[in-house]
Amino acid sequence: MQKAGGQPLQAPLQEGDLLFFCAEEDRSRVSHVAISLGDWRVIHSSRRRNGVAIDDVQEVPHLRETCIGACTYFKSGS
């Protein structure tokens, strides 16, 4: 619902934008959401790392391969 409710974005991403990731077995289903810290850096809850993590989506193969989009809830210029 978050992905459908926001304004779709392309990179570069701004702080507070949301990035969405799919389940490996179903690319149409969002299974994970991260918050952008600007560009491709995100903060997210990571089961693999047992807690909150900061990662660069482009540097982590699993994140890069499952990223299916980004959106914002902020209006342009606000």
PDB file of N, CA and C in Angstrom:
ATOM      1  N   MET A   1       0.817  -1.188   0.000  1.00  0.00           N
ATOM      2  CA  MET A   1       0.000   0.000   0.000  1.00  0.00           C
ATOM      3  C   MET A   1       0.865   1.258   0.000  1.00  0.00           C
ATOM      4  N   GLN A   2       2.010   1.222   0.679  1.00  0.00           N
ATOM      5  CA  GLN A   2       2.893   2.393   0.688  1.00  0.00           C
ATOM      6  C   GLN A   2       3.410   2.694  -0.705  1.00  0.00           C
ATOM      7  N   LYS A   3       3.786   1.669  -1.453  1.00  0.00           N
ATOM      8  CA  LYS A   3       4.323   1.863  -2.801  1.00  0.00           C
ATOM      9  C   LYS A   3       3.269   2.487  -3.711  1.00  0.00           C
ATOM     10  N   ALA A   4       2.046   2.019  -3.617  1.00  0.00           N
ATOM     11  CA  ALA A   4       0.969   2.534  -4.466  1.00  0.00           C
ATOM     12  C   ALA A   4       0.538   3.942  -4.063  1.00  0.00           C
ATOM     13  N   GLY A   5       0.708   4.309  -2.804  1.00  0.00           N
ATOM     14  CA  GLY A   5       0.227   5.591  -2.307  1.00  0.00           C
ATOM     15  C   GLY A   5       1.156   6.762  -2.533  1.00  0.00           C
ATOM     16  N   GLY A   6       2.422   6.502  -2.805  1.00  0.00           N
ATOM     17  CA  GLY A   6       3.395   7.580  -2.968  1.00  0.00           C
ATOM     18  C   GLY A   6       3.573   7.988  -4.416  1.00  0.00           C
ATOM     19  N   GLN A   7       4.353   9.038  -4.615  1.00  0.00           N
ATOM     20  CA  GLN A   7       4.694   9.499  -5.958  1.00  0.00           C
ATOM     21  C   GLN A   7       5.943   8.737  -6.404  1.00  0.00           C
ATOM     22  N   PRO A   8       5.865   7.946  -7.489  1.00  0.00           N
ATOM     23  CA  PRO A   8       7.015   7.159  -7.942  1.00  0.00           C
ATOM     24  C   PRO A   8       8.220   8.045  -8.257  1.00  0.00           C
ATOM     25  N   LEU A   9       9.405   7.508  -7.997  1.00  0.00           N
ATOM     26  CA  LEU A   9      10.651   8.247  -8.186  1.00  0.00           C
ATOM     27  C   LEU A   9      11.673   7.448  -8.973  1.00  0.00           C
ATOM     28  N   GLN A  10      12.603   8.166  -9.549  1.00  0.00           N
ATOM     29  CA  GLN A  10      13.821   7.599 -10.112  1.00  0.00           C
ATOM     30  C   GLN A  10      14.983   8.204  -9.318  1.00  0.00           C
ATOM     31  N   ALA A  11      16.153   7.591  -9.378  1.00  0.00           N
ATOM     32  CA  ALA A  11      17.338   8.140  -8.698  1.00  0.00           C
ATOM     33  C   ALA A  11      17.699   9.469  -9.342  1.00  0.00           C
ATOM     34  N   PRO A  12      18.297  10.383  -8.639  1.00  0.00           N
ATOM     35  CA  PRO A  12      18.798  10.262  -7.277  1.00  0.00           C
ATOM     36  C   PRO A  12      17.674  10.429  -6.253  1.00  0.00           C
ATOM     37  N   LEU A  13      17.780   9.670  -5.196  1.00  0.00           N
ATOM     38  CA  LEU A  13      16.777   9.700  -4.139  1.00  0.00           C
ATOM     39  C   LEU A  13      17.182  10.697  -3.063  1.00  0.00           C
ATOM     40  N   GLN A  14      16.177  11.225  -2.392  1.00  0.00           N
ATOM     41  CA  GLN A  14      16.395  12.202  -1.323  1.00  0.00           C
ATOM     42  C   GLN A  14      16.147  11.546   0.023  1.00  0.00           C
ATOM     43  N   GLU A  15      16.646  12.163   1.072  1.00  0.00           N
ATOM     44  CA  GLU A  15      16.406  11.664   2.431  1.00  0.00           C
ATOM     45  C   GLU A  15      14.905  11.561   2.668  1.00  0.00           C
ATOM     46  N   GLY A  16      14.488  10.436   3.228  1.00  0.00           N
ATOM     47  CA  GLY A  16      13.082  10.219   3.554  1.00  0.00           C
ATOM     48  C   GLY A  16      12.278   9.510   2.485  1.00  0.00           C
ATOM     49  N   ASP A  17      12.824   9.383   1.264  1.00  0.00           N
ATOM     50  CA  ASP A  17      12.129   8.620   0.233  1.00  0.00           C
ATOM     51  C   ASP A  17      12.116   7.148   0.642  1.00  0.00           C
ATOM     52  N   LEU A  18      11.136   6.410   0.151  1.00  0.00           N
ATOM     53  CA  LEU A  18      11.031   4.992   0.474  1.00  0.00           C
ATOM     54  C   LEU A  18      11.470   4.144  -0.709  1.00  0.00           C
ATOM     55  N   LEU A  19      12.199   3.082  -0.434  1.00  0.00           N
ATOM     56  CA  LEU A  19      12.599   2.111  -1.449  1.00  0.00           C
ATOM     57  C   LEU A  19      11.901   0.798  -1.136  1.00  0.00           C
ATOM     58  N   PHE A  20      11.477   0.106  -2.178  1.00  0.00           N
ATOM     59  CA  PHE A  20      10.720  -1.131  -2.014  1.00  0.00           C
ATOM     60  C   PHE A  20      11.461  -2.298  -2.642  1.00  0.00           C
ATOM     61  N   PHE A  21      11.369  -3.435  -1.963  1.00  0.00           N
ATOM     62  CA  PHE A  21      12.077  -4.636  -2.387  1.00  0.00           C
ATOM     63  C   PHE A  21      11.087  -5.782  -2.483  1.00  0.00           C
ATOM     64  N   CYS A  22      11.297  -6.660  -3.473  1.00  0.00           N
ATOM     65  CA  CYS A  22      10.377  -7.774  -3.700  1.00  0.00           C
ATOM     66  C   CYS A  22      10.882  -9.043  -3.030  1.00  0.00           C
ATOM     67  N   ALA A  23       9.945  -9.963  -2.891  1.00  0.00           N
ATOM     68  CA  ALA A  23      10.305 -11.308  -2.465  1.00  0.00           C
ATOM     69  C   ALA A  23      11.003 -11.982  -3.642  1.00  0.00           C
ATOM     70  N   GLU A  24      12.029 -12.744  -3.379  1.00  0.00           N
ATOM     71  CA  GLU A  24      12.775 -13.375  -4.466  1.00  0.00           C
ATOM     72  C   GLU A  24      11.896 -14.283  -5.315  1.00  0.00           C
ATOM     73  N   GLU A  25      10.900 -14.914  -4.706  1.00  0.00           N
ATOM     74  CA  GLU A  25      10.044 -15.840  -5.442  1.00  0.00           C
ATOM     75  C   GLU A  25       8.855 -15.162  -6.120  1.00  0.00           C
ATOM     76  N   ASP A  26       8.612 -13.884  -5.834  1.00  0.00           N
ATOM     77  CA  ASP A  26       7.464 -13.175  -6.409  1.00  0.00           C
ATOM     78  C   ASP A  26       7.789 -11.694  -6.560  1.00  0.00           C
ATOM     79  N   ARG A  27       8.248 -11.286  -7.736  1.00  0.00           N
ATOM     80  CA  ARG A  27       8.676  -9.899  -7.955  1.00  0.00           C
ATOM     81  C   ARG A  27       7.528  -8.904  -7.925  1.00  0.00           C
ATOM     82  N   SER A  28       6.297  -9.367  -7.891  1.00  0.00           N
ATOM     83  CA  SER A  28       5.162  -8.445  -7.838  1.00  0.00           C
ATOM     84  C   SER A  28       4.768  -8.100  -6.404  1.00  0.00           C
ATOM     85  N   ARG A  29       5.351  -8.783  -5.426  1.00  0.00           N
ATOM     86  CA  ARG A  29       4.975  -8.584  -4.026  1.00  0.00           C
ATOM     87  C   ARG A  29       6.090  -7.857  -3.269  1.00  0.00           C
ATOM     88  N   VAL A  30       5.733  -6.708  -2.662  1.00  0.00           N
ATOM     89  CA  VAL A  30       6.695  -5.983  -1.831  1.00  0.00           C
ATOM     90  C   VAL A  30       6.872  -6.756  -0.530  1.00  0.00           C
ATOM     91  N   SER A  31       8.117  -7.043  -0.194  1.00  0.00           N
ATOM     92  CA  SER A  31       8.393  -7.793   1.032  1.00  0.00           C
ATOM     93  C   SER A  31       9.249  -7.006   2.023  1.00  0.00           C
ATOM     94  N   HIS A  32       9.750  -5.830   1.587  1.00  0.00           N
ATOM     95  CA  HIS A  32      10.677  -5.085   2.440  1.00  0.00           C
ATOM     96  C   HIS A  32      10.652  -3.624   2.015  1.00  0.00           C
ATOM     97  N   VAL A  33      10.743  -2.727   2.990  1.00  0.00           N
ATOM     98  CA  VAL A  33      10.771  -1.282   2.726  1.00  0.00           C
ATOM     99  C   VAL A  33      11.952  -0.689   3.480  1.00  0.00           C
ATOM    100  N   ALA A  34      12.649   0.237   2.841  1.00  0.00           N
ATOM    101  CA  ALA A  34      13.777   0.931   3.472  1.00  0.00           C
ATOM    102  C   ALA A  34      13.580   2.434   3.297  1.00  0.00           C
ATOM    103  N   ILE A  35      14.212   3.205   4.151  1.00  0.00           N
ATOM    104  CA  ILE A  35      14.144   4.663   4.090  1.00  0.00           C
ATOM    105  C   ILE A  35      15.469   5.179   3.561  1.00  0.00           C
ATOM    106  N   SER A  36      15.392   6.031   2.536  1.00  0.00           N
ATOM    107  CA  SER A  36      16.599   6.583   1.937  1.00  0.00           C
ATOM    108  C   SER A  36      17.263   7.592   2.869  1.00  0.00           C
ATOM    109  N   LEU A  37      18.580   7.515   2.907  1.00  0.00           N
ATOM    110  CA  LEU A  37      19.384   8.522   3.612  1.00  0.00           C
ATOM    111  C   LEU A  37      19.984   9.493   2.598  1.00  0.00           C
ATOM    112  N   GLY A  38      19.547   9.363   1.366  1.00  0.00           N
ATOM    113  CA  GLY A  38      20.070  10.161   0.250  1.00  0.00           C
ATOM    114  C   GLY A  38      20.783   9.252  -0.715  1.00  0.00           C
ATOM    115  N   ASP A  39      20.489   9.437  -1.994  1.00  0.00           N
ATOM    116  CA  ASP A  39      21.015   8.606  -3.063  1.00  0.00           C
ATOM    117  C   ASP A  39      20.651   7.145  -2.784  1.00  0.00           C
ATOM    118  N   TRP A  40      21.589   6.214  -2.821  1.00  0.00           N
ATOM    119  CA  TRP A  40      21.275   4.790  -2.640  1.00  0.00           C
ATOM    120  C   TRP A  40      21.513   4.289  -1.218  1.00  0.00           C
ATOM    121  N   ARG A  41      21.925   5.167  -0.300  1.00  0.00           N
ATOM    122  CA  ARG A  41      22.115   4.740   1.097  1.00  0.00           C
ATOM    123  C   ARG A  41      20.759   4.658   1.786  1.00  0.00           C
ATOM    124  N   VAL A  42      20.524   3.563   2.501  1.00  0.00           N
ATOM    125  CA  VAL A  42      19.248   3.339   3.173  1.00  0.00           C
ATOM    126  C   VAL A  42      19.452   2.875   4.601  1.00  0.00           C
ATOM    127  N   ILE A  43      18.438   3.096   5.409  1.00  0.00           N
ATOM    128  CA  ILE A  43      18.371   2.505   6.740  1.00  0.00           C
ATOM    129  C   ILE A  43      17.176   1.564   6.721  1.00  0.00           C
ATOM    130  N   HIS A  44      17.369   0.370   7.254  1.00  0.00           N
ATOM    131  CA  HIS A  44      16.306  -0.633   7.215  1.00  0.00           C
ATOM    132  C   HIS A  44      16.530  -1.682   8.286  1.00  0.00           C
ATOM    133  N   SER A  45      15.469  -2.407   8.584  1.00  0.00           N
ATOM    134  CA  SER A  45      15.559  -3.520   9.511  1.00  0.00           C
ATOM    135  C   SER A  45      16.040  -4.729   8.726  1.00  0.00           C
ATOM    136  N   SER A  46      17.090  -5.369   9.210  1.00  0.00           N
ATOM    137  CA  SER A  46      17.700  -6.472   8.474  1.00  0.00           C
ATOM    138  C   SER A  46      17.668  -7.754   9.297  1.00  0.00           C
ATOM    139  N   ARG A  47      16.876  -8.716   8.841  1.00  0.00           N
ATOM    140  CA  ARG A  47      16.864 -10.022   9.514  1.00  0.00           C
ATOM    141  C   ARG A  47      18.215 -10.715   9.386  1.00  0.00           C
ATOM    142  N   ARG A  48      18.823 -10.548   8.233  1.00  0.00           N
ATOM    143  CA  ARG A  48      20.127 -11.181   7.995  1.00  0.00           C
ATOM    144  C   ARG A  48      21.180 -10.680   8.968  1.00  0.00           C
ATOM    145  N   ARG A  49      21.041  -9.423   9.410  1.00  0.00           N
ATOM    146  CA  ARG A  49      22.036  -8.846  10.309  1.00  0.00           C
ATOM    147  C   ARG A  49      21.484  -8.657  11.724  1.00  0.00           C
ATOM    148  N   ASN A  50      20.270  -9.174  11.953  1.00  0.00           N
ATOM    149  CA  ASN A  50      19.652  -9.183  13.276  1.00  0.00           C
ATOM    150  C   ASN A  50      19.519  -7.788  13.891  1.00  0.00           C
ATOM    151  N   GLY A  51      18.992  -6.837  13.109  1.00  0.00           N
ATOM    152  CA  GLY A  51      18.773  -5.497  13.640  1.00  0.00           C
ATOM    153  C   GLY A  51      18.709  -4.455  12.545  1.00  0.00           C
ATOM    154  N   VAL A  52      18.824  -3.206  12.946  1.00  0.00           N
ATOM    155  CA  VAL A  52      18.778  -2.089  12.010  1.00  0.00           C
ATOM    156  C   VAL A  52      20.150  -1.936  11.349  1.00  0.00           C
ATOM    157  N   ALA A  53      20.125  -1.698  10.028  1.00  0.00           N
ATOM    158  CA  ALA A  53      21.381  -1.586   9.286  1.00  0.00           C
ATOM    159  C   ALA A  53      21.325  -0.386   8.344  1.00  0.00           C
ATOM    160  N   ILE A  54      22.480   0.136   8.029  1.00  0.00           N
ATOM    161  CA  ILE A  54      22.629   1.161   6.995  1.00  0.00           C
ATOM    162  C   ILE A  54      23.438   0.528   5.881  1.00  0.00           C
ATOM    163  N   ASP A  55      22.882   0.575   4.665  1.00  0.00           N
ATOM    164  CA  ASP A  55      23.535  -0.051   3.514  1.00  0.00           C
ATOM    165  C   ASP A  55      23.433   0.847   2.295  1.00  0.00           C
ATOM    166  N   ASP A  56      24.296   0.591   1.326  1.00  0.00           N
ATOM    167  CA  ASP A  56      24.193   1.191   0.008  1.00  0.00           C
ATOM    168  C   ASP A  56      23.574   0.120  -0.885  1.00  0.00           C
ATOM    169  N   VAL A  57      22.387   0.385  -1.406  1.00  0.00           N
ATOM    170  CA  VAL A  57      21.660  -0.608  -2.199  1.00  0.00           C
ATOM    171  C   VAL A  57      22.503  -1.103  -3.363  1.00  0.00           C
ATOM    172  N   GLN A  58      23.276  -0.228  -3.983  1.00  0.00           N
ATOM    173  CA  GLN A  58      24.079  -0.621  -5.141  1.00  0.00           C
ATOM    174  C   GLN A  58      25.254  -1.528  -4.766  1.00  0.00           C
ATOM    175  N   GLU A  59      25.645  -1.544  -3.517  1.00  0.00           N
ATOM    176  CA  GLU A  59      26.790  -2.355  -3.083  1.00  0.00           C
ATOM    177  C   GLU A  59      26.398  -3.693  -2.467  1.00  0.00           C
ATOM    178  N   VAL A  60      25.119  -3.910  -2.201  1.00  0.00           N
ATOM    179  CA  VAL A  60      24.659  -5.164  -1.592  1.00  0.00           C
ATOM    180  C   VAL A  60      23.855  -5.930  -2.643  1.00  0.00           C
ATOM    181  N   PRO A  61      24.421  -7.006  -3.185  1.00  0.00           N
ATOM    182  CA  PRO A  61      23.757  -7.717  -4.291  1.00  0.00           C
ATOM    183  C   PRO A  61      22.295  -8.056  -4.024  1.00  0.00           C
ATOM    184  N   HIS A  62      21.980  -8.575  -2.839  1.00  0.00           N
ATOM    185  CA  HIS A  62      20.597  -8.957  -2.540  1.00  0.00           C
ATOM    186  C   HIS A  62      19.660  -7.745  -2.626  1.00  0.00           C
ATOM    187  N   LEU A  63      20.075  -6.615  -2.108  1.00  0.00           N
ATOM    188  CA  LEU A  63      19.237  -5.410  -2.169  1.00  0.00           C
ATOM    189  C   LEU A  63      19.133  -4.887  -3.603  1.00  0.00           C
ATOM    190  N   ARG A  64      20.251  -4.820  -4.290  1.00  0.00           N
ATOM    191  CA  ARG A  64      20.272  -4.320  -5.669  1.00  0.00           C
ATOM    192  C   ARG A  64      19.357  -5.157  -6.568  1.00  0.00           C
ATOM    193  N   GLU A  65      19.404  -6.469  -6.413  1.00  0.00           N
ATOM    194  CA  GLU A  65      18.648  -7.372  -7.291  1.00  0.00           C
ATOM    195  C   GLU A  65      17.162  -7.411  -6.983  1.00  0.00           C
ATOM    196  N   THR A  66      16.769  -7.064  -5.772  1.00  0.00           N
ATOM    197  CA  THR A  66      15.350  -7.139  -5.406  1.00  0.00           C
ATOM    198  C   THR A  66      14.676  -5.777  -5.308  1.00  0.00           C
ATOM    199  N   CYS A  67      15.400  -4.689  -5.549  1.00  0.00           N
ATOM    200  CA  CYS A  67      14.810  -3.348  -5.495  1.00  0.00           C
ATOM    201  C   CYS A  67      13.850  -3.183  -6.676  1.00  0.00           C
ATOM    202  N   ILE A  68      12.584  -2.879  -6.382  1.00  0.00           N
ATOM    203  CA  ILE A  68      11.581  -2.774  -7.444  1.00  0.00           C
ATOM    204  C   ILE A  68      10.986  -1.377  -7.566  1.00  0.00           C
ATOM    205  N   GLY A  69      11.542  -0.411  -6.852  1.00  0.00           N
ATOM    206  CA  GLY A  69      11.049   0.944  -7.030  1.00  0.00           C
ATOM    207  C   GLY A  69      11.221   1.801  -5.800  1.00  0.00           C
ATOM    208  N   ALA A  70      10.882   3.072  -5.971  1.00  0.00           N
ATOM    209  CA  ALA A  70      10.979   4.047  -4.890  1.00  0.00           C
ATOM    210  C   ALA A  70       9.854   5.052  -5.033  1.00  0.00           C
ATOM    211  N   CYS A  71       9.489   5.679  -3.930  1.00  0.00           N
ATOM    212  CA  CYS A  71       8.463   6.713  -3.982  1.00  0.00           C
ATOM    213  C   CYS A  71       8.715   7.742  -2.896  1.00  0.00           C
ATOM    214  N   THR A  72       8.012   8.851  -3.011  1.00  0.00           N
ATOM    215  CA  THR A  72       8.072   9.886  -1.995  1.00  0.00           C
ATOM    216  C   THR A  72       6.668  10.284  -1.589  1.00  0.00           C
ATOM    217  N   TYR A  73       6.551  10.779  -0.398  1.00  0.00           N
ATOM    218  CA  TYR A  73       5.297  11.337   0.092  1.00  0.00           C
ATOM    219  C   TYR A  73       5.455  12.841   0.268  1.00  0.00           C
ATOM    220  N   PHE A  74       6.627  13.379  -0.089  1.00  0.00           N
ATOM    221  CA  PHE A  74       6.887  14.814   0.018  1.00  0.00           C
ATOM    222  C   PHE A  74       6.597  15.465  -1.321  1.00  0.00           C
ATOM    223  N   LYS A  75       5.979  16.607  -1.283  1.00  0.00           N
ATOM    224  CA  LYS A  75       5.722  17.333  -2.528  1.00  0.00           C
ATOM    225  C   LYS A  75       7.021  17.973  -2.990  1.00  0.00           C
ATOM    226  N   SER A  76       7.167  18.081  -4.268  1.00  0.00           N
ATOM    227  CA  SER A  76       8.344  18.699  -4.847  1.00  0.00           C
ATOM    228  C   SER A  76       8.452  20.153  -4.376  1.00  0.00           C
ATOM    229  N   GLY A  77       9.650  20.540  -3.889  1.00  0.00           N
ATOM    230  CA  GLY A  77       9.881  21.895  -3.429  1.00  0.00           C
ATOM    231  C   GLY A  77       9.462  22.167  -1.995  1.00  0.00           C
ATOM    232  N   SER A  78       8.973  21.144  -1.258  1.00  0.00           N
ATOM    233  CA  SER A  78       8.560  21.370   0.130  1.00  0.00           C
ATOM    234  C   SER A  78       9.599  20.903   1.104  1.00  0.00           C
TER     235      SER A  78
END
